[in-house]
């Protein structure tokens, strides 16, 4: 009977040690998950800022293209208005 009781106590102690180890591992993993979630949020913010910068660059490029297109059209109209009529020599 004492052997059985000692064996049960040994198994109990072993299970408690495994429980403590598992509990520590769980705590470490939860902390790691929390850190990773914070890192993901930081990266999302960086990506969002980068995307906004790209959108702003595209807006500025579109404005520049429109400006130069307008200038080109004005120059073309001006040149068409000053064209000399062709006269056929006989």
N, C-alpha and C. Protein backbone atom coordinates (compact mmCIF):
# COMPACT_ATOMS: atom_id res chain seq x y z
N UNK A 1 0.82 -1.19 0.00
CA UNK A 1 0.00 0.00 0.00
C UNK A 1 0.87 1.26 0.00
N UNK A 2 1.95 1.23 0.78
CA UNK A 2 2.85 2.38 0.81
C UNK A 2 3.52 2.60 -0.55
N UNK A 3 3.87 1.50 -1.22
CA UNK A 3 4.47 1.63 -2.55
C UNK A 3 3.51 2.31 -3.52
N UNK A 4 2.25 1.89 -3.44
CA UNK A 4 1.24 2.47 -4.34
C UNK A 4 1.06 3.96 -4.03
N UNK A 5 1.03 4.31 -2.75
CA UNK A 5 0.88 5.70 -2.34
C UNK A 5 2.10 6.52 -2.79
N UNK A 6 3.29 5.97 -2.61
CA UNK A 6 4.51 6.65 -3.05
C UNK A 6 4.51 6.85 -4.57
N UNK A 7 4.05 5.82 -5.28
CA UNK A 7 3.99 5.91 -6.74
C UNK A 7 3.01 7.00 -7.16
N UNK A 8 1.86 7.07 -6.49
CA UNK A 8 0.87 8.10 -6.81
C UNK A 8 1.41 9.50 -6.50
N UNK A 9 2.12 9.63 -5.38
CA UNK A 9 2.72 10.92 -5.03
C UNK A 9 3.78 11.32 -6.06
N UNK A 10 4.57 10.34 -6.48
CA UNK A 10 5.59 10.60 -7.50
C UNK A 10 4.95 11.05 -8.81
N UNK A 11 3.89 10.35 -9.21
CA UNK A 11 3.18 10.72 -10.44
C UNK A 11 2.55 12.10 -10.30
N UNK A 12 2.01 12.38 -9.12
CA UNK A 12 1.41 13.69 -8.87
C UNK A 12 2.47 14.78 -8.99
N UNK A 13 3.62 14.57 -8.37
CA UNK A 13 4.70 15.55 -8.43
C UNK A 13 5.17 15.73 -9.88
N UNK A 14 5.26 14.62 -10.61
CA UNK A 14 5.68 14.68 -12.00
C UNK A 14 4.66 15.47 -12.83
N UNK A 15 3.38 15.21 -12.62
CA UNK A 15 2.33 15.92 -13.35
C UNK A 15 2.32 17.41 -13.00
N UNK A 16 2.57 17.73 -11.74
CA UNK A 16 2.61 19.14 -11.33
C UNK A 16 3.79 19.86 -11.99
N UNK A 17 4.93 19.17 -12.08
CA UNK A 17 6.09 19.76 -12.74
C UNK A 17 5.79 19.99 -14.22
N UNK A 18 5.15 19.02 -14.87
CA UNK A 18 4.78 19.17 -16.28
C UNK A 18 3.77 20.30 -16.46
N UNK A 19 2.84 20.41 -15.49
CA UNK A 19 1.86 21.49 -15.54
C UNK A 19 2.55 22.84 -15.44
N UNK A 20 3.49 22.97 -14.51
CA UNK A 20 4.22 24.23 -14.35
C UNK A 20 4.99 24.58 -15.62
N UNK A 21 5.62 23.57 -16.21
CA UNK A 21 6.36 23.79 -17.45
C UNK A 21 5.42 24.24 -18.57
N UNK A 22 4.28 23.57 -18.68
CA UNK A 22 3.30 23.93 -19.71
C UNK A 22 2.75 25.33 -19.46
N UNK A 23 2.52 25.66 -18.19
CA UNK A 23 1.99 26.98 -17.85
C UNK A 23 3.00 28.08 -18.21
N UNK A 24 4.27 27.84 -17.92
CA UNK A 24 5.31 28.81 -18.28
C UNK A 24 5.41 28.97 -19.80
N UNK A 25 5.34 27.84 -20.50
CA UNK A 25 5.38 27.89 -21.96
C UNK A 25 4.20 28.68 -22.51
N UNK A 26 3.03 28.45 -21.93
CA UNK A 26 1.84 29.17 -22.35
C UNK A 26 2.00 30.67 -22.13
N UNK A 27 2.54 31.04 -20.97
CA UNK A 27 2.75 32.46 -20.67
C UNK A 27 3.73 33.08 -21.66
N UNK A 28 4.81 32.36 -21.96
CA UNK A 28 5.80 32.86 -22.92
C UNK A 28 5.18 33.01 -24.31
N UNK A 29 4.39 32.04 -24.71
CA UNK A 29 3.75 32.10 -26.03
C UNK A 29 2.75 33.24 -26.10
N UNK A 30 2.00 33.47 -25.03
CA UNK A 30 1.05 34.58 -25.01
C UNK A 30 1.78 35.92 -25.13
N UNK A 31 2.91 36.04 -24.43
CA UNK A 31 3.70 37.27 -24.52
C UNK A 31 4.24 37.44 -25.94
N UNK A 32 4.68 36.34 -26.53
CA UNK A 32 5.21 36.39 -27.90
C UNK A 32 4.11 36.80 -28.89
N UNK A 33 2.92 36.25 -28.71
CA UNK A 33 1.79 36.60 -29.58
C UNK A 33 1.48 38.09 -29.45
N UNK A 34 1.51 38.59 -28.22
CA UNK A 34 1.24 40.01 -28.00
C UNK A 34 2.29 40.88 -28.71
N UNK A 35 3.55 40.51 -28.59
CA UNK A 35 4.62 41.26 -29.27
C UNK A 35 4.44 41.21 -30.79
N UNK A 36 4.09 40.06 -31.31
CA UNK A 36 3.90 39.92 -32.76
C UNK A 36 2.71 40.74 -33.24
N UNK A 37 1.64 40.78 -32.44
CA UNK A 37 0.48 41.59 -32.81
C UNK A 37 0.86 43.07 -32.87
N UNK A 38 1.67 43.52 -31.90
CA UNK A 38 2.13 44.91 -31.91
C UNK A 38 2.98 45.18 -33.15
N UNK A 39 3.85 44.24 -33.48
CA UNK A 39 4.70 44.40 -34.67
C UNK A 39 3.85 44.46 -35.94
N UNK A 40 2.82 43.64 -36.01
CA UNK A 40 1.92 43.65 -37.18
C UNK A 40 1.24 45.01 -37.30
N UNK A 41 0.79 45.56 -36.18
CA UNK A 41 0.14 46.87 -36.22
C UNK A 41 1.11 47.95 -36.69
N UNK A 42 2.35 47.88 -36.21
CA UNK A 42 3.36 48.86 -36.66
C UNK A 42 3.59 48.73 -38.16
N UNK A 43 3.69 47.51 -38.65
CA UNK A 43 3.92 47.29 -40.08
C UNK A 43 2.73 47.76 -40.91
N UNK A 44 1.52 47.54 -40.40
CA UNK A 44 0.33 48.03 -41.10
C UNK A 44 0.38 49.55 -41.23
N UNK A 45 0.80 50.21 -40.16
CA UNK A 45 0.89 51.67 -40.18
C UNK A 45 1.93 52.13 -41.21
N UNK A 46 3.08 51.47 -41.23
CA UNK A 46 4.13 51.82 -42.19
C UNK A 46 3.62 51.61 -43.62
N UNK A 47 2.95 50.49 -43.85
CA UNK A 47 2.41 50.20 -45.19
C UNK A 47 1.38 51.25 -45.59
N UNK A 48 0.53 51.61 -44.64
CA UNK A 48 -0.49 52.62 -44.92
C UNK A 48 0.14 53.97 -45.27
N UNK A 49 1.17 54.36 -44.51
CA UNK A 49 1.85 55.62 -44.80
C UNK A 49 2.53 55.58 -46.16
N UNK A 50 3.15 54.45 -46.47
CA UNK A 50 3.81 54.30 -47.77
C UNK A 50 2.79 54.38 -48.90
N UNK A 51 1.66 53.73 -48.72
CA UNK A 51 0.62 53.76 -49.75
C UNK A 51 0.11 55.18 -49.95
N UNK A 52 -0.06 55.93 -48.87
CA UNK A 52 -0.53 57.31 -48.99
C UNK A 52 0.50 58.15 -49.73
N UNK A 53 1.77 57.92 -49.45
CA UNK A 53 2.83 58.64 -50.17
C UNK A 53 2.79 58.34 -51.66
N UNK A 54 2.55 57.10 -52.00
CA UNK A 54 2.47 56.72 -53.41
C UNK A 54 1.26 57.38 -54.07
N UNK A 55 0.13 57.40 -53.37
CA UNK A 55 -1.06 58.05 -53.94
C UNK A 55 -0.80 59.54 -54.18
N UNK A 56 -0.11 60.19 -53.23
CA UNK A 56 0.20 61.61 -53.39
C UNK A 56 1.12 61.82 -54.59
N UNK A 57 2.10 60.96 -54.76
CA UNK A 57 3.01 61.07 -55.91
C UNK A 57 2.24 60.90 -57.21
N UNK A 58 1.31 59.97 -57.25
CA UNK A 58 0.49 59.76 -58.45
C UNK A 58 -0.37 60.99 -58.73
N UNK A 59 -0.95 61.58 -57.68
CA UNK A 59 -1.76 62.80 -57.87
C UNK A 59 -0.90 63.92 -58.47
N UNK A 60 0.30 64.08 -57.94
CA UNK A 60 1.18 65.13 -58.46
C UNK A 60 1.59 64.86 -59.90
N UNK A 61 1.87 63.61 -60.22
CA UNK A 61 2.21 63.27 -61.60
C UNK A 61 1.04 63.53 -62.54
N UNK A 62 -0.16 63.18 -62.11
CA UNK A 62 -1.35 63.45 -62.94
C UNK A 62 -1.52 64.95 -63.17
N UNK A 63 -1.29 65.73 -62.12
CA UNK A 63 -1.39 67.18 -62.26
C UNK A 63 -0.35 67.69 -63.27
N UNK A 64 0.88 67.19 -63.16
CA UNK A 64 1.94 67.61 -64.09
C UNK A 64 1.61 67.22 -65.52
N UNK A 65 1.12 66.01 -65.71
CA UNK A 65 0.74 65.55 -67.05
C UNK A 65 -0.34 66.45 -67.63
N UNK A 66 -1.34 66.76 -66.83
CA UNK A 66 -2.43 67.62 -67.30
C UNK A 66 -1.91 69.01 -67.64
N UNK A 67 -1.01 69.52 -66.83
CA UNK A 67 -0.42 70.84 -67.09
C UNK A 67 0.33 70.85 -68.42
N UNK A 68 1.18 69.86 -68.63
CA UNK A 68 1.95 69.81 -69.88
C UNK A 68 1.06 69.50 -71.09
N UNK A 69 0.04 68.69 -70.90
CA UNK A 69 -0.89 68.40 -71.99
C UNK A 69 -1.62 69.67 -72.40
N UNK A 70 -2.04 70.44 -71.42
CA UNK A 70 -2.73 71.70 -71.71
C UNK A 70 -1.81 72.66 -72.46
N UNK A 71 -0.56 72.75 -72.00
CA UNK A 71 0.40 73.61 -72.69
C UNK A 71 0.66 73.14 -74.11
N UNK A 72 0.74 71.84 -74.30
CA UNK A 72 0.95 71.28 -75.65
C UNK A 72 -0.23 71.63 -76.55
N UNK A 73 -1.45 71.49 -76.03
CA UNK A 73 -2.63 71.78 -76.84
C UNK A 73 -2.68 73.26 -77.21
N UNK A 74 -2.32 74.13 -76.28
CA UNK A 74 -2.30 75.57 -76.58
C UNK A 74 -1.26 75.88 -77.65
N UNK A 75 -0.08 75.29 -77.53
CA UNK A 75 0.97 75.51 -78.52
C UNK A 75 0.54 74.99 -79.88
N UNK A 76 -0.10 73.86 -79.91
CA UNK A 76 -0.55 73.28 -81.17
C UNK A 76 -1.59 74.17 -81.84
N UNK A 77 -2.55 74.66 -81.04
CA UNK A 77 -3.57 75.56 -81.59
C UNK A 77 -2.93 76.85 -82.11
N UNK A 78 -1.95 77.34 -81.37
CA UNK A 78 -1.27 78.56 -81.79
C UNK A 78 -0.54 78.34 -83.11
N UNK A 79 0.13 77.22 -83.24
CA UNK A 79 0.85 76.92 -84.48
C UNK A 79 -0.11 76.70 -85.64
N UNK A 80 -1.25 76.08 -85.39
CA UNK A 80 -2.22 75.86 -86.46
C UNK A 80 -2.82 77.19 -86.91
N UNK A 81 -2.96 78.13 -86.02
CA UNK A 81 -3.52 79.43 -86.36
C UNK A 81 -2.55 80.28 -87.18
N UNK A 82 -1.26 80.05 -87.05
CA UNK A 82 -0.27 80.85 -87.76
C UNK A 82 0.28 80.15 -88.99
N UNK A 83 -0.30 79.10 -89.36
CA UNK A 83 0.16 78.38 -90.55
C UNK A 83 -0.13 79.20 -91.79
N UNK A 84 0.84 79.26 -92.65
CA UNK A 84 0.62 79.99 -93.90
C UNK A 84 -0.10 79.08 -94.88
N UNK A 85 -1.04 79.65 -95.58
CA UNK A 85 -1.74 78.82 -96.58
C UNK A 85 -0.79 78.45 -97.71
N UNK A 86 -0.94 77.27 -98.18
CA UNK A 86 -0.11 76.79 -99.28
C UNK A 86 -0.62 77.38 -100.60
N UNK A 87 0.29 77.92 -101.38
CA UNK A 87 -0.07 78.50 -102.68
C UNK A 87 0.63 77.67 -103.73
N UNK A 88 -0.15 77.25 -104.69
CA UNK A 88 0.45 76.46 -105.77
C UNK A 88 1.04 77.41 -106.81
N UNK A 89 2.24 77.19 -107.15
CA UNK A 89 2.90 78.00 -108.17
C UNK A 89 2.56 77.43 -109.54
N UNK A 90 2.23 78.29 -110.46
CA UNK A 90 1.91 77.81 -111.81
C UNK A 90 2.90 78.28 -112.82
